[in-house]
Amino acid sequence: MKTFLQNISNSVSHLLFPHNCLGCATDLLNQNDLLCAKCFTDLPETNFATAPNNPIEKTFLGRIKIEQATSSFYFTKESLLQHLMVQLKYKNNREVGLYLGKLLGHHLLQSNRFSDVEALIPLPLNDKKEYKRGYNQAEMICKGIAEVFEKPIVNNAVIRTVFTETQTHENRISRWQNMEGVFALTNEKAIVNKHVLLVDDVVTTGATLESCGAEILKTANTKLSIACVAFTI
């Protein structure tokens, strides 16, 4: 009898509050998932977390000293992952950040290359942009990571002092020039002598992460690694 009533309750709840896959809109998915099994398996995993000298690490070679770097998925235009990023950054869907962060957290947890990371740092947004969006998408991703990877989030070690427009259509040199002097240390004590993981949504040229990472590395005896949800190909 209890099971019968529970089934009725679940059915009514589904009718009143439908839960559909963000990829294909099917309702055949677990209540706590954002993607159905098919769409989840369609996400193009990189397996970078367990691969030294992977393409992201090569991106920063000779530019900034990092310990390790990874991303969970490849990013391409008109893809499911791009749709998820639009939901996160422009459609006020914070749950996407938490969900993708948990997936990234599992990849980090499965790799011994990140086991000595001591803190997570979300790539800062300028106050103006964060106010407009309502949140920092990198912080949402960090919160998802922390649920799985169980590392503290440090929000006040570095800030973004300059508002920059989207750099989607900029080339590598322009992106690097636009990032000069954008970040500033505000709380060195929070990261001194620590191995920190700088987190963002998508890495393309790496200019923004390089600029922020260089500021972080001004702190004494601090080691830097980088993790993003996706890597642009």
Protein backbone atom coordinates (compact mmCIF):
# COMPACT_ATOMS: atom_id res chain seq x y z
CA MET A 1 0.00 0.00 0.00
CA LYS A 2 2.86 2.36 0.89
CA THR A 3 4.58 1.70 -2.44
CA PHE A 4 1.31 2.29 -4.33
CA LEU A 5 0.78 5.64 -2.62
CA GLN A 6 4.39 6.62 -3.23
CA ASN A 7 4.01 5.84 -6.94
CA ILE A 8 0.89 8.02 -7.11
CA SER A 9 2.71 10.81 -5.29
CA ASN A 10 5.65 10.59 -7.70
CA SER A 11 3.34 10.64 -10.71
CA VAL A 12 1.47 13.71 -9.47
CA SER A 13 4.75 15.43 -8.65
CA HIS A 14 6.04 14.72 -12.16
CA LEU A 15 2.90 16.17 -13.72
CA LEU A 16 3.08 19.34 -11.64
CA PHE A 17 6.87 19.71 -11.80
CA PRO A 18 8.14 17.94 -14.93
CA HIS A 19 11.80 16.98 -14.93
CA ASN A 20 13.26 16.69 -18.41
CA CYS A 21 16.70 16.04 -19.82
CA LEU A 22 18.47 19.27 -20.80
CA GLY A 23 19.81 17.51 -23.85
CA CYS A 24 16.89 15.72 -25.51
CA ALA A 25 13.95 16.68 -23.24
CA THR A 26 13.04 13.10 -22.37
CA ASP A 27 11.55 12.54 -18.93
CA LEU A 28 13.32 9.20 -18.56
CA LEU A 29 16.01 10.26 -16.10
CA ASN A 30 16.70 10.27 -12.40
CA GLN A 31 15.31 13.17 -10.41
CA ASN A 32 18.77 14.43 -9.44
CA ASP A 33 20.25 14.22 -12.94
CA LEU A 34 20.16 16.93 -15.59
CA LEU A 35 20.93 14.55 -18.46
CA CYS A 36 19.46 11.21 -19.42
CA ALA A 37 21.75 8.19 -19.77
CA LYS A 38 22.04 8.59 -23.55
CA CYS A 39 22.95 12.29 -23.47
CA PHE A 40 25.37 11.68 -20.63
CA THR A 41 27.24 9.04 -22.59
CA ASP A 42 27.32 11.38 -25.59
CA LEU A 43 29.42 13.92 -23.67
CA PRO A 44 32.92 13.76 -25.21
CA GLU A 45 35.24 12.91 -22.31
CA THR A 46 38.91 13.87 -22.57
CA ASN A 47 40.41 11.57 -19.91
CA PHE A 48 43.00 14.31 -19.31
CA ALA A 49 42.89 13.90 -15.52
CA THR A 50 44.97 10.74 -15.71
CA ALA A 51 47.12 11.84 -18.68
CA PRO A 52 50.36 13.78 -18.03
CA ASN A 53 51.44 16.15 -20.81
CA ASN A 54 47.87 16.41 -22.09
CA PRO A 55 46.80 19.19 -24.51
CA ILE A 56 45.82 21.62 -21.72
CA GLU A 57 49.17 21.24 -20.03
CA LYS A 58 50.84 21.84 -23.39
CA THR A 59 48.75 25.01 -23.76
CA PHE A 60 50.49 26.54 -20.73
CA LEU A 61 53.95 25.15 -21.45
CA GLY A 62 56.50 27.96 -21.36
CA ARG A 63 53.85 30.49 -20.31
CA ILE A 64 53.18 29.76 -16.65
CA LYS A 65 54.38 27.15 -14.18
CA ILE A 66 51.64 24.67 -13.38
CA GLU A 67 51.73 21.28 -11.71
CA GLN A 68 48.85 19.62 -13.56
CA ALA A 69 45.91 20.64 -15.71
CA THR A 70 42.76 18.91 -16.89
CA SER A 71 39.28 19.26 -18.34
CA SER A 72 36.47 16.75 -18.31
CA PHE A 73 35.13 17.22 -21.84
CA TYR A 74 35.89 18.57 -25.28
CA PHE A 75 33.99 21.70 -26.29
CA THR A 76 32.69 22.22 -29.83
CA LYS A 77 30.18 24.65 -31.28
CA GLU A 78 26.54 23.56 -31.68
CA SER A 79 27.14 20.72 -29.23
CA LEU A 80 25.29 19.55 -26.14
CA LEU A 81 28.10 20.94 -24.01
CA GLN A 82 27.74 24.37 -25.59
CA HIS A 83 24.02 24.23 -24.82
CA LEU A 84 24.81 23.43 -21.18
CA MET A 85 27.27 26.32 -20.99
CA VAL A 86 24.66 28.72 -22.38
CA GLN A 87 22.25 27.50 -19.72
CA LEU A 88 24.87 28.10 -17.03
CA LYS A 89 26.16 31.49 -18.13
CA TYR A 90 23.16 33.18 -19.71
CA LYS A 91 19.98 31.35 -18.59
CA ASN A 92 20.43 31.55 -14.81
CA ASN A 93 20.70 27.78 -14.50
CA ARG A 94 23.06 27.35 -11.56
CA GLU A 95 22.24 23.65 -11.30
CA VAL A 96 24.20 23.07 -14.52
CA GLY A 97 27.32 24.40 -12.83
CA LEU A 98 26.84 22.15 -9.81
CA TYR A 99 26.16 19.15 -12.04
CA LEU A 100 29.19 19.69 -14.29
CA GLY A 101 31.31 20.43 -11.23
CA LYS A 102 30.40 17.07 -9.71
CA LEU A 103 31.41 15.32 -12.93
CA LEU A 104 34.73 17.17 -12.90
CA GLY A 105 35.14 16.34 -9.22
CA HIS A 106 34.77 12.62 -9.94
CA HIS A 107 37.45 12.84 -12.62
CA LEU A 108 39.80 14.60 -10.19
CA LEU A 109 39.08 12.06 -7.48
CA GLN A 110 39.84 9.16 -9.81
CA SER A 111 43.28 10.58 -10.62
CA ASN A 112 46.19 10.53 -8.18
CA ARG A 113 47.74 13.50 -9.98
CA PHE A 114 45.55 15.97 -8.06
CA SER A 115 45.54 14.24 -4.68
CA ASP A 116 47.68 16.89 -2.96
CA VAL A 117 45.50 19.85 -4.03
CA GLU A 118 44.54 21.76 -0.88
CA ALA A 119 42.09 24.43 -2.07
CA LEU A 120 39.83 25.38 -4.98
CA ILE A 121 39.89 28.88 -6.46
CA PRO A 122 37.08 29.82 -8.87
CA LEU A 123 38.28 32.14 -11.62
CA PRO A 124 36.99 35.53 -10.42
CA LEU A 125 34.44 37.58 -12.31
CA ASN A 126 34.50 41.34 -12.26
CA ASP A 127 31.94 42.66 -9.74
CA LYS A 128 29.94 44.33 -12.52
CA LYS A 129 29.62 41.13 -14.52
CA GLU A 130 28.88 39.00 -11.46
CA TYR A 131 26.17 41.42 -10.35
CA LYS A 132 24.61 41.29 -13.82
CA ARG A 133 24.71 37.49 -13.97
CA GLY A 134 23.80 36.99 -10.34
CA TYR A 135 26.62 34.54 -9.62
CA ASN A 136 30.04 33.41 -10.77
CA GLN A 137 29.69 30.29 -12.91
CA ALA A 138 33.19 29.13 -11.88
CA GLU A 139 32.11 29.25 -8.24
CA MET A 140 29.08 27.08 -9.05
CA ILE A 141 31.43 24.58 -10.67
CA CYS A 142 33.70 24.70 -7.61
CA LYS A 143 30.75 23.98 -5.34
CA GLY A 144 29.97 20.90 -7.42
CA ILE A 145 33.60 19.79 -7.32
CA ALA A 146 33.76 20.27 -3.55
CA GLU A 147 30.79 17.96 -3.00
CA VAL A 148 32.85 15.13 -4.47
CA PHE A 149 36.49 16.15 -4.17
CA GLU A 150 36.02 17.62 -0.66
CA LYS A 151 38.42 20.55 -0.84
CA PRO A 152 37.72 24.03 0.59
CA ILE A 153 36.80 26.87 -1.77
CA VAL A 154 38.82 30.09 -1.43
CA ASN A 155 36.98 33.07 -2.89
CA ASN A 156 38.96 35.97 -1.49
CA ALA A 157 42.57 35.23 -2.47
CA VAL A 158 42.43 36.98 -5.84
CA ILE A 159 39.97 39.37 -7.46
CA ARG A 160 39.26 40.62 -10.96
CA THR A 161 39.81 44.37 -10.98
CA VAL A 162 38.98 45.17 -14.59
CA PHE A 163 35.75 44.55 -16.50
CA THR A 164 36.46 42.82 -19.81
CA GLU A 165 34.01 42.10 -22.59
CA THR A 166 33.62 38.58 -23.94
CA GLN A 167 36.68 37.46 -25.87
CA THR A 168 35.01 34.80 -27.96
CA HIS A 169 35.98 36.45 -31.24
CA GLU A 170 39.45 37.65 -30.17
CA ASN A 171 42.64 35.96 -31.36
CA ARG A 172 45.29 34.57 -29.00
CA ILE A 173 47.46 37.72 -28.96
CA SER A 174 44.50 40.04 -28.36
CA ARG A 175 43.22 37.86 -25.53
CA TRP A 176 46.63 37.88 -23.84
CA GLN A 177 46.96 41.68 -24.18
CA ASN A 178 43.44 42.21 -22.83
CA MET A 179 44.30 40.20 -19.71
CA GLU A 180 47.31 42.20 -18.58
CA GLY A 181 46.76 43.63 -15.10
CA VAL A 182 43.22 42.27 -14.81
CA PHE A 183 43.72 40.33 -11.55
CA ALA A 184 45.08 41.30 -8.14
CA LEU A 185 45.97 39.39 -4.98
CA THR A 186 43.85 40.32 -1.97
CA ASN A 187 44.52 37.57 0.59
CA GLU A 188 47.88 35.86 0.21
CA LYS A 189 47.55 34.23 3.65
CA ALA A 190 44.70 32.07 2.35
CA ILE A 191 46.92 30.31 -0.18
CA VAL A 192 50.51 30.68 1.02
CA ASN A 193 52.41 27.35 1.01
CA LYS A 194 49.44 25.60 -0.62
CA HIS A 195 48.76 23.70 -3.81
CA VAL A 196 45.67 25.38 -5.27
CA LEU A 197 43.41 24.38 -8.13
CA LEU A 198 42.21 27.25 -10.33
CA VAL A 199 38.80 26.40 -11.81
CA ASP A 200 36.93 27.75 -14.83
CA ASP A 201 34.23 26.61 -17.25
CA VAL A 202 35.99 26.48 -20.66
CA VAL A 203 39.63 26.94 -21.64
CA THR A 204 40.33 28.19 -25.17
CA THR A 205 43.64 30.03 -25.47
CA GLY A 206 44.24 29.99 -21.72
CA ALA A 207 44.97 33.73 -21.60
CA THR A 208 42.59 34.48 -18.73
CA LEU A 209 43.72 31.52 -16.66
CA GLU A 210 47.35 32.42 -17.34
CA SER A 211 46.85 35.97 -16.12
CA CYS A 212 45.03 34.90 -12.96
CA GLY A 213 47.45 32.05 -12.33
CA ALA A 214 50.46 34.34 -12.64
CA GLU A 215 48.98 36.57 -9.94
CA ILE A 216 48.34 33.57 -7.67
CA LEU A 217 51.94 32.39 -8.11
CA LYS A 218 53.24 35.67 -6.67
CA THR A 219 52.34 34.14 -3.30
CA ALA A 220 55.25 32.43 -1.54
CA ASN A 221 55.62 28.68 -2.04
CA THR A 222 52.27 28.33 -3.77
CA LYS A 223 51.77 25.64 -6.39
CA LEU A 224 49.15 25.94 -9.12
CA SER A 225 47.06 23.42 -11.03
CA ILE A 226 44.15 24.12 -13.38
CA ALA A 227 40.85 22.33 -13.97
CA CYS A 228 38.07 23.25 -16.38
CA VAL A 229 34.88 21.58 -17.41
CA ALA A 230 35.75 21.76 -21.10
CA PHE A 231 38.62 22.28 -23.53
CA THR A 232 37.98 23.92 -26.89
CA ILE A 233 39.09 21.98 -29.95
